[in-house]
Amino acid sequence: MLAVISATWALLLGIALIMIGNGLQGSLLGIRASLEAFPTAVTGIVMSGYYIGFLAGSTLAPRAVGRVGHIRVFAALGSLAGTAVLLHAIFVDPVTWTAMRIVTGFSYAGLYVVAESWLNERSTNETRGQLLSIYMVVQFAGLTCGQLLLNAADPGSFELFTLVSVLVSLAIVPILLTTGPAPSFAAPAPVRLKQLYRISPLGVCGCLGIGLAHSAFFGMGAVYGKGIGLSIPEISLFMSSVILGGVLLQLPVGRLSDRFDRRSVMTIVTLLAGAVALAAIPVSAISQVGLFALVCLFGGLSLPMYSLCLAHTNDFLRPDQMVAASSGLVLVFGIGAIFGPFTAGSLMSGMGPAGFFIYLAAIHGAIGLFAIYRMFMRASPPLEEQGPYVSVPPSGSPVAASLTPQSAEEPADEEAPAEATHG
């Protein structure tokens, strides 16, 4: 473990700074939008801009890396991301903010592509699993620190925007000073979505739903907190609680999915997440501690769902298909994420803050119902043929999929994909 960290500490430090800045910026914009009296639905559109840019960046950034190299792309996108953050503080209006969120999402996607591909180059078959675990810890820790930094200054002033810009700028330094040659890079060829749906309808629809849910929570969670009267420190704890839950329950949920029928685990977990979201509505009016506890539990049930969908899809794939399929699932997640904040914001405009949790419950309930439907349509693979559950970040680029430990077994025969298309 120490050897892995020693070989990659500069890259992990850069990723940590990026995640801190990203976590702080998302919640900061939600709070500032409320302070500026942006309509909730409009705030949803602003927050959706990030995912529009991220989807474009995940597609275009690998091409740019192939043309001009990792270092130039990383430096350019880091500078672009830092500039976009500062423009939020200078031009406080929804149109400019939406445009800058698109730029920010595009930039962060490129930063992830470069950092993750470099990490992949530094890993071996023996260390890849350890490196992925460390990478996930760094991602969650960075997001949590970003939420807590909301308390560092007044969200109504410019200081926190400047802090985000500084963090992104500093993230460039360890990456650019990394010793050794830049890695060779080959972006995974995307698999057609129609083909991917035929292989695993539940995997595709599950990722779409998780994109709708996760983007809504992280895009509109701070707006919800402001709407129910939470203070800035309380909002930071509210947003941190969901991440803490994800950290605590990732491994237990994953182990259950490896021991039992994966679809049954997915169904139970997502329906429980929906029930917890509904329970949070009355509890929020009674107990703040109870609300935070339920949000923590919701995060523990909801955040592992992306990895469950990926693992379920991999159960029907040959090892040589997994990276391309993961790229397709990232695309599906991104499509759902574009509409999450806007849809949740629209419900909150019509129903008040309660619309936030009603939306999350509806999305998780729909995933659960579709999972039950799929269990009647196709038998699950035998437990001994299920691949291992691996926790991966839904916000990562397709490159993150190549960090996932792949099976060392020979690819299945050519009839396997045909059998997988029956459901």
Protein backbone atom coordinates (compact mmCIF):
# COMPACT_ATOMS: atom_id res chain seq x y z
CA MET A 1 0.00 0.00 0.00
CA LEU A 2 2.79 2.43 0.92
CA ALA A 3 4.57 1.65 -2.33
CA VAL A 4 1.42 2.47 -4.31
CA ILE A 5 0.96 5.79 -2.50
CA SER A 6 4.66 6.64 -2.89
CA ALA A 7 4.45 6.13 -6.65
CA THR A 8 1.25 8.12 -7.13
CA TRP A 9 1.09 10.68 -4.29
CA ALA A 10 1.46 13.70 -6.59
CA LEU A 11 -1.37 12.54 -8.83
CA LEU A 12 -3.59 11.72 -5.86
CA LEU A 13 -2.86 15.13 -4.34
CA GLY A 14 -3.91 16.82 -7.57
CA ILE A 15 -7.13 14.80 -7.68
CA ALA A 16 -7.83 15.62 -4.03
CA LEU A 17 -7.51 19.36 -4.69
CA ILE A 18 -9.75 19.08 -7.74
CA MET A 19 -12.41 17.25 -5.72
CA ILE A 20 -12.23 19.76 -2.86
CA GLY A 21 -12.74 22.61 -5.31
CA ASN A 22 -15.54 20.80 -7.12
CA GLY A 23 -17.38 19.92 -3.91
CA LEU A 24 -17.12 23.47 -2.58
CA GLN A 25 -18.16 25.08 -5.84
CA GLY A 26 -21.31 23.01 -6.33
CA SER A 27 -22.75 23.75 -2.89
CA LEU A 28 -21.53 27.35 -2.94
CA LEU A 29 -23.44 28.08 -6.13
CA GLY A 30 -26.63 26.54 -4.73
CA ILE A 31 -26.44 28.70 -1.61
CA ARG A 32 -25.46 31.85 -3.49
CA ALA A 33 -28.29 31.33 -6.00
CA SER A 34 -30.74 31.24 -3.08
CA LEU A 35 -29.19 34.40 -1.60
CA GLU A 36 -29.55 36.12 -4.98
CA ALA A 37 -33.22 35.03 -5.12
CA PHE A 38 -32.86 32.93 -8.26
CA PRO A 39 -36.08 30.96 -8.83
CA THR A 40 -35.55 27.34 -7.79
CA ALA A 41 -36.29 26.02 -11.29
CA VAL A 42 -33.77 28.47 -12.75
CA THR A 43 -31.17 27.30 -10.24
CA GLY A 44 -31.85 23.78 -11.45
CA ILE A 45 -31.05 24.84 -15.01
CA VAL A 46 -27.83 26.48 -13.83
CA MET A 47 -26.73 23.35 -11.99
CA SER A 48 -27.62 21.13 -14.97
CA GLY A 49 -25.12 23.08 -17.04
CA TYR A 50 -22.26 21.31 -15.28
CA TYR A 51 -23.43 17.93 -16.55
CA ILE A 52 -23.91 19.20 -20.09
CA GLY A 53 -20.29 20.30 -20.07
CA PHE A 54 -19.12 17.15 -18.35
CA LEU A 55 -20.80 14.96 -20.95
CA ALA A 56 -19.17 16.94 -23.76
CA GLY A 57 -15.80 16.92 -22.01
CA SER A 58 -15.85 13.16 -21.45
CA THR A 59 -16.26 12.75 -25.20
CA LEU A 60 -13.95 15.46 -26.52
CA ALA A 61 -11.15 15.60 -23.93
CA PRO A 62 -9.70 12.18 -24.82
CA ARG A 63 -9.39 13.32 -28.43
CA ALA A 64 -7.55 16.45 -27.31
CA VAL A 65 -5.19 14.35 -25.18
CA GLY A 66 -4.44 12.18 -28.18
CA ARG A 67 -3.55 15.24 -30.26
CA VAL A 68 -1.57 17.53 -27.96
CA GLY A 69 -0.74 15.39 -24.92
CA HIS A 70 -1.65 15.13 -21.27
CA ILE A 71 0.31 18.06 -19.91
CA ARG A 72 -1.00 20.70 -22.33
CA VAL A 73 -4.59 19.55 -21.95
CA PHE A 74 -4.39 19.46 -18.15
CA ALA A 75 -2.81 22.91 -17.90
CA ALA A 76 -5.27 24.46 -20.35
CA LEU A 77 -8.36 22.97 -18.73
CA GLY A 78 -7.14 23.80 -15.22
CA SER A 79 -6.71 27.42 -16.24
CA LEU A 80 -10.13 27.41 -17.89
CA ALA A 81 -11.80 25.94 -14.80
CA GLY A 82 -10.15 28.48 -12.51
CA THR A 83 -11.25 31.36 -14.73
CA ALA A 84 -14.84 30.13 -14.97
CA VAL A 85 -15.14 30.02 -11.17
CA LEU A 86 -14.07 33.66 -10.82
CA LEU A 87 -16.53 34.79 -13.48
CA HIS A 88 -19.36 33.51 -11.26
CA ALA A 89 -18.39 36.12 -8.69
CA ILE A 90 -18.11 38.93 -11.24
CA PHE A 91 -21.28 38.33 -13.27
CA VAL A 92 -24.08 37.22 -10.97
CA ASP A 93 -26.87 36.27 -13.35
CA PRO A 94 -28.38 32.90 -14.36
CA VAL A 95 -27.35 33.06 -18.04
CA THR A 96 -23.68 33.66 -17.28
CA TRP A 97 -23.70 31.10 -14.49
CA THR A 98 -25.21 28.45 -16.75
CA ALA A 99 -22.58 29.12 -19.41
CA MET A 100 -19.80 28.99 -16.82
CA ARG A 101 -21.17 25.76 -15.35
CA ILE A 102 -20.97 24.21 -18.81
CA VAL A 103 -17.36 25.37 -19.09
CA THR A 104 -16.62 24.04 -15.59
CA GLY A 105 -18.12 20.63 -16.35
CA PHE A 106 -16.17 20.41 -19.59
CA SER A 107 -12.94 21.34 -17.81
CA TYR A 108 -13.37 18.92 -14.92
CA ALA A 109 -14.11 16.05 -17.31
CA GLY A 110 -10.80 16.69 -19.05
CA LEU A 111 -8.94 16.97 -15.75
CA TYR A 112 -10.33 13.60 -14.68
CA VAL A 113 -9.36 12.00 -18.00
CA VAL A 114 -5.75 13.13 -17.65
CA ALA A 115 -5.35 12.30 -13.96
CA GLU A 116 -7.07 8.92 -14.16
CA SER A 117 -5.19 7.77 -17.25
CA TRP A 118 -1.94 8.72 -15.54
CA LEU A 119 -2.94 6.71 -12.47
CA ASN A 120 -3.80 3.77 -14.68
CA GLU A 121 -0.35 3.94 -16.25
CA ARG A 122 1.28 3.85 -12.79
CA SER A 123 -0.67 0.78 -11.66
CA THR A 124 -0.03 -2.90 -12.30
CA ASN A 125 -2.29 -5.93 -12.15
CA GLU A 126 -1.07 -6.48 -8.58
CA THR A 127 -1.64 -2.89 -7.39
CA ARG A 128 -4.66 -1.83 -9.44
CA GLY A 129 -7.21 -2.89 -6.82
CA GLN A 130 -5.34 -1.06 -4.06
CA LEU A 131 -5.00 2.04 -6.21
CA LEU A 132 -8.72 2.07 -7.01
CA SER A 133 -9.54 1.87 -3.30
CA ILE A 134 -7.19 4.76 -2.53
CA TYR A 135 -8.64 6.73 -5.43
CA MET A 136 -12.16 6.31 -4.07
CA VAL A 137 -11.08 7.41 -0.57
CA VAL A 138 -9.42 10.49 -2.06
CA GLN A 139 -12.53 11.34 -4.06
CA PHE A 140 -14.92 11.05 -1.11
CA ALA A 141 -12.53 12.83 1.27
CA GLY A 142 -12.10 15.68 -1.21
CA LEU A 143 -15.85 16.11 -1.66
CA THR A 144 -16.36 16.12 2.10
CA CYS A 145 -13.64 18.72 2.69
CA GLY A 146 -15.20 20.87 -0.02
CA GLN A 147 -18.53 20.89 1.83
CA LEU A 148 -16.86 21.82 5.11
CA LEU A 149 -15.03 24.73 3.46
CA LEU A 150 -18.39 26.44 3.04
CA ASN A 151 -17.73 27.72 6.56
CA ALA A 152 -14.46 29.41 5.59
CA ALA A 153 -16.08 32.66 4.41
CA ASP A 154 -19.40 34.35 3.62
CA PRO A 155 -21.05 32.70 0.56
CA GLY A 156 -22.46 36.11 -0.31
CA SER A 157 -18.97 37.51 -0.98
CA PHE A 158 -16.25 36.61 -3.48
CA GLU A 159 -13.75 34.89 -1.15
CA LEU A 160 -15.05 31.33 -1.56
CA PHE A 161 -15.06 31.67 -5.35
CA THR A 162 -11.45 32.78 -5.15
CA LEU A 163 -10.66 29.82 -2.89
CA VAL A 164 -12.07 27.38 -5.46
CA SER A 165 -9.97 28.99 -8.18
CA VAL A 166 -6.86 28.71 -6.02
CA LEU A 167 -7.53 25.03 -5.30
CA VAL A 168 -7.93 24.21 -8.98
CA SER A 169 -4.79 26.17 -9.84
CA LEU A 170 -2.80 24.36 -7.15
CA ALA A 171 -4.07 21.01 -8.45
CA ILE A 172 -2.19 21.63 -11.67
CA VAL A 173 1.18 21.89 -9.92
CA PRO A 174 1.70 18.30 -8.66
CA ILE A 175 0.44 16.86 -11.96
CA LEU A 176 2.81 19.01 -14.04
CA LEU A 177 5.75 18.25 -11.75
CA THR A 178 5.17 14.50 -11.81
CA THR A 179 8.36 12.74 -12.79
CA GLY A 180 8.48 10.23 -15.58
CA PRO A 181 7.06 10.31 -19.08
CA ALA A 182 3.41 11.00 -19.79
CA PRO A 183 1.44 7.80 -20.38
CA SER A 184 0.39 6.56 -23.75
CA PHE A 185 -3.31 7.10 -24.16
CA ALA A 186 -5.98 5.31 -26.09
CA ALA A 187 -9.55 6.29 -25.34
CA PRO A 188 -11.87 3.28 -25.09
CA ALA A 189 -14.01 2.83 -28.15
CA PRO A 190 -17.61 3.58 -27.12
CA VAL A 191 -20.14 0.80 -27.40
CA ARG A 192 -23.43 1.60 -29.07
CA LEU A 193 -26.13 2.36 -26.54
CA LYS A 194 -28.64 0.15 -28.33
CA GLN A 195 -26.24 -2.78 -28.07
CA LEU A 196 -25.51 -1.99 -24.43
CA TYR A 197 -29.24 -1.89 -23.63
CA ARG A 198 -29.73 -5.29 -25.24
CA ILE A 199 -26.92 -6.70 -23.10
CA SER A 200 -28.20 -5.23 -19.83
CA PRO A 201 -31.44 -3.22 -19.81
CA LEU A 202 -31.31 -2.87 -16.02
CA GLY A 203 -27.70 -1.68 -16.05
CA VAL A 204 -28.48 1.03 -18.59
CA CYS A 205 -31.78 2.20 -17.05
CA GLY A 206 -30.27 2.01 -13.58
CA CYS A 207 -27.37 4.27 -14.57
CA LEU A 208 -29.80 6.69 -16.20
CA GLY A 209 -31.85 6.85 -13.01
CA ILE A 210 -28.80 7.20 -10.78
CA GLY A 211 -27.63 10.09 -12.95
CA LEU A 212 -31.01 11.75 -12.43
CA ALA A 213 -30.85 11.20 -8.66
CA HIS A 214 -27.22 11.96 -7.84
CA SER A 215 -27.01 15.13 -9.93
CA ALA A 216 -30.19 16.38 -8.28
CA PHE A 217 -28.88 15.79 -4.78
CA PHE A 218 -25.46 17.36 -5.31
CA GLY A 219 -26.85 20.13 -7.50
CA MET A 220 -29.89 21.08 -5.42
CA GLY A 221 -29.07 19.75 -1.94
CA ALA A 222 -27.71 23.10 -0.78
CA VAL A 223 -30.77 24.85 -2.22
CA TYR A 224 -33.00 22.45 -0.26
CA GLY A 225 -31.03 23.13 2.91
CA LYS A 226 -31.40 26.87 2.45
CA GLY A 227 -35.10 26.40 1.76
CA ILE A 228 -35.77 24.67 5.08
CA GLY A 229 -33.79 27.26 7.01
CA LEU A 230 -30.48 25.49 7.64
CA SER A 231 -27.50 27.70 8.42
CA ILE A 232 -24.32 27.53 6.33
CA PRO A 233 -22.55 25.18 8.79
CA GLU A 234 -25.66 23.00 8.89
CA ILE A 235 -25.84 22.88 5.09
CA SER A 236 -22.21 21.78 4.95
CA LEU A 237 -22.99 18.97 7.41
CA PHE A 238 -26.13 18.06 5.47
CA MET A 239 -24.14 17.68 2.24
CA SER A 240 -21.30 15.86 3.99
CA SER A 241 -23.72 13.37 5.56
CA VAL A 242 -24.67 11.81 2.24
CA ILE A 243 -21.00 11.31 1.33
CA LEU A 244 -20.26 9.78 4.75
CA GLY A 245 -23.08 7.31 4.23
CA GLY A 246 -21.66 6.34 0.86
CA VAL A 247 -18.25 5.69 2.41
CA LEU A 248 -19.67 3.57 5.25
CA LEU A 249 -21.96 1.33 3.19
CA GLN A 250 -20.07 0.94 -0.11
CA LEU A 251 -18.24 -2.19 1.04
CA PRO A 252 -21.13 -3.91 2.88
CA VAL A 253 -23.49 -3.37 -0.07
CA GLY A 254 -20.84 -4.62 -2.47
CA ARG A 255 -20.22 -7.75 -0.46
CA LEU A 256 -23.93 -8.53 -0.36
CA SER A 257 -24.15 -8.15 -4.14
CA ASP A 258 -21.30 -10.65 -4.57
CA ARG A 259 -22.95 -13.24 -2.30
CA PHE A 260 -26.56 -13.01 -3.49
CA ASP A 261 -28.46 -12.38 -6.70
CA ARG A 262 -27.19 -8.94 -7.71
CA ARG A 263 -30.58 -7.77 -8.99
CA SER A 264 -32.26 -8.66 -5.72
CA VAL A 265 -29.68 -6.61 -3.84
CA MET A 266 -30.13 -3.71 -6.27
CA THR A 267 -33.90 -3.86 -5.88
CA ILE A 268 -33.82 -3.88 -2.10
CA VAL A 269 -31.17 -1.15 -1.86
CA THR A 270 -32.86 1.26 -4.27
CA LEU A 271 -36.34 0.76 -2.78
CA LEU A 272 -34.93 1.35 0.69
CA ALA A 273 -33.27 4.53 -0.59
CA GLY A 274 -36.64 5.71 -1.88
CA ALA A 275 -38.33 4.89 1.44
CA VAL A 276 -35.63 6.77 3.38
CA ALA A 277 -36.09 9.79 1.11
CA LEU A 278 -39.81 9.84 1.84
CA ALA A 279 -39.19 9.44 5.57
CA ALA A 280 -36.91 12.47 5.51
CA ILE A 281 -39.84 14.76 4.64
CA PRO A 282 -41.72 14.55 7.98
CA VAL A 283 -38.51 14.07 9.99
CA SER A 284 -37.05 17.33 8.62
CA ALA A 285 -39.80 19.23 10.45
CA ILE A 286 -39.18 17.41 13.73
CA SER A 287 -35.48 16.75 14.21
CA GLN A 288 -32.41 18.13 12.47
CA VAL A 289 -30.29 15.28 13.82
CA GLY A 290 -32.84 12.80 12.51
CA LEU A 291 -32.72 14.46 9.10
CA PHE A 292 -28.93 14.23 8.94
CA ALA A 293 -29.06 10.58 10.01
CA LEU A 294 -31.57 9.76 7.28
CA VAL A 295 -29.53 11.64 4.68
CA CYS A 296 -26.47 9.65 5.75
CA LEU A 297 -28.44 6.42 5.33
CA PHE A 298 -29.78 7.61 1.99
CA GLY A 299 -26.22 8.23 0.79
CA GLY A 300 -25.18 4.78 1.96
CA LEU A 301 -27.97 3.21 -0.10
CA SER A 302 -27.92 5.51 -3.13
CA LEU A 303 -24.24 6.13 -3.82
CA PRO A 304 -23.30 2.43 -4.26
CA MET A 305 -26.03 2.02 -6.90
CA TYR A 306 -23.83 3.15 -9.78
CA SER A 307 -21.23 0.51 -8.94
CA LEU A 308 -24.02 -2.07 -8.61
CA CYS A 309 -25.30 -1.20 -12.08
CA LEU A 310 -21.78 -1.46 -13.50
CA ALA A 311 -21.14 -4.80 -11.78
CA HIS A 312 -24.51 -6.15 -12.97
CA THR A 313 -23.72 -5.14 -16.55
CA ASN A 314 -20.26 -6.72 -16.34
CA ASP A 315 -21.90 -10.01 -15.35
CA PHE A 316 -23.10 -10.32 -18.96
CA LEU A 317 -19.88 -9.19 -20.66
CA ARG A 318 -16.57 -10.69 -21.68
CA PRO A 319 -13.56 -9.06 -19.97
CA ASP A 320 -12.47 -7.44 -23.23
CA GLN A 321 -15.86 -5.66 -23.50
CA MET A 322 -15.89 -4.11 -20.03
CA VAL A 323 -14.02 -0.87 -20.62
CA ALA A 324 -16.09 0.02 -23.69
CA ALA A 325 -19.30 -0.84 -21.84
CA SER A 326 -18.23 1.27 -18.85
CA SER A 327 -17.68 4.19 -21.21
CA GLY A 328 -21.24 3.74 -22.46
CA LEU A 329 -22.61 3.66 -18.92
CA VAL A 330 -20.77 6.89 -18.09
CA LEU A 331 -22.49 8.42 -21.12
CA VAL A 332 -25.91 7.18 -19.93
CA PHE A 333 -25.24 8.48 -16.41
CA GLY A 334 -24.28 11.86 -17.88
CA ILE A 335 -27.46 12.07 -19.94
CA GLY A 336 -29.55 11.46 -16.84
CA ALA A 337 -27.46 13.90 -14.80
CA ILE A 338 -28.22 16.74 -17.22
CA PHE A 339 -31.93 16.59 -16.38
CA GLY A 340 -31.68 15.84 -12.64
CA PRO A 341 -31.17 19.34 -11.16
CA PHE A 342 -33.67 20.98 -13.50
CA THR A 343 -36.40 18.40 -12.83
CA ALA A 344 -35.85 18.47 -9.08
CA GLY A 345 -35.78 22.28 -9.13
CA SER A 346 -39.06 22.41 -11.01
CA LEU A 347 -40.72 20.11 -8.45
CA MET A 348 -39.34 22.21 -5.62
CA SER A 349 -40.76 25.33 -7.25
CA GLY A 350 -44.25 23.82 -7.30
CA MET A 351 -44.20 21.74 -4.11
CA GLY A 352 -41.72 23.54 -1.89
CA PRO A 353 -38.62 21.92 -0.36
CA ALA A 354 -40.47 18.62 0.08
CA GLY A 355 -40.33 18.22 -3.70
CA PHE A 356 -36.60 17.50 -3.35
CA PHE A 357 -37.07 14.25 -1.47
CA ILE A 358 -40.24 13.35 -3.38
CA TYR A 359 -38.20 13.51 -6.57
CA LEU A 360 -35.41 11.33 -5.14
CA ALA A 361 -37.94 8.78 -3.85
CA ALA A 362 -39.69 8.63 -7.22
CA ILE A 363 -36.44 7.99 -9.11
CA HIS A 364 -35.28 5.23 -6.78
CA GLY A 365 -38.75 3.71 -6.72
CA ALA A 366 -38.81 3.61 -10.53
CA ILE A 367 -35.42 1.87 -10.64
CA GLY A 368 -36.68 -0.69 -8.13
CA LEU A 369 -39.85 -1.41 -10.09
CA PHE A 370 -37.89 -1.84 -13.31
CA ALA A 371 -35.49 -4.20 -11.54
CA ILE A 372 -38.43 -6.34 -10.39
CA TYR A 373 -39.75 -6.38 -13.96
CA ARG A 374 -36.37 -7.48 -15.31
CA MET A 375 -36.21 -10.37 -12.81
CA PHE A 376 -39.32 -11.81 -14.46
CA MET A 377 -37.88 -11.31 -17.94
CA ARG A 378 -34.47 -12.99 -17.62
CA ALA A 379 -32.78 -15.38 -15.22
CA SER A 380 -29.79 -14.02 -13.33
CA PRO A 381 -26.35 -15.52 -13.98
CA PRO A 382 -25.20 -18.16 -11.47
CA LEU A 383 -23.43 -16.66 -8.44
CA GLU A 384 -20.16 -18.34 -9.38
CA GLU A 385 -20.25 -16.51 -12.74
CA GLN A 386 -20.88 -13.07 -11.27
CA GLY A 387 -17.94 -10.71 -11.49
CA PRO A 388 -16.71 -8.93 -8.36
CA TYR A 389 -18.30 -5.70 -7.18
CA VAL A 390 -15.86 -2.80 -7.46
CA SER A 391 -16.65 0.65 -6.12
CA VAL A 392 -16.18 3.25 -8.85
CA PRO A 393 -17.07 6.95 -8.90
CA PRO A 394 -20.01 7.80 -11.19
CA SER A 395 -18.52 11.26 -11.69
CA GLY A 396 -15.32 9.85 -13.10
CA SER A 397 -14.42 9.64 -16.76
CA PRO A 398 -14.50 6.45 -18.82
CA VAL A 399 -10.81 6.10 -18.04
CA ALA A 400 -11.72 5.25 -14.45
CA ALA A 401 -13.25 2.05 -15.74
CA SER A 402 -9.82 0.84 -16.82
CA LEU A 403 -8.67 1.14 -13.22
CA THR A 404 -11.18 -1.55 -12.34
CA PRO A 405 -9.50 -4.94 -11.82
CA GLN A 406 -10.48 -7.09 -14.78
CA SER A 407 -10.89 -10.81 -14.76
CA ALA A 408 -7.83 -12.74 -15.72
CA GLU A 409 -9.92 -15.50 -17.24
CA GLU A 410 -10.14 -16.13 -20.93
CA PRO A 411 -12.95 -14.27 -22.70
CA ALA A 412 -16.19 -16.15 -22.97
CA ASP A 413 -17.07 -17.76 -26.24
CA GLU A 414 -18.71 -15.71 -28.95
CA GLU A 415 -22.18 -17.00 -28.09
CA ALA A 416 -22.22 -15.25 -24.73
CA PRO A 417 -23.12 -11.79 -26.03
CA ALA A 418 -25.91 -13.30 -28.14
CA GLU A 419 -27.40 -14.96 -25.07
CA ALA A 420 -27.17 -11.68 -23.21
CA THR A 421 -29.28 -9.88 -25.79
CA HIS A 422 -32.42 -11.88 -25.14
CA GLY A 423 -33.65 -9.76 -22.23
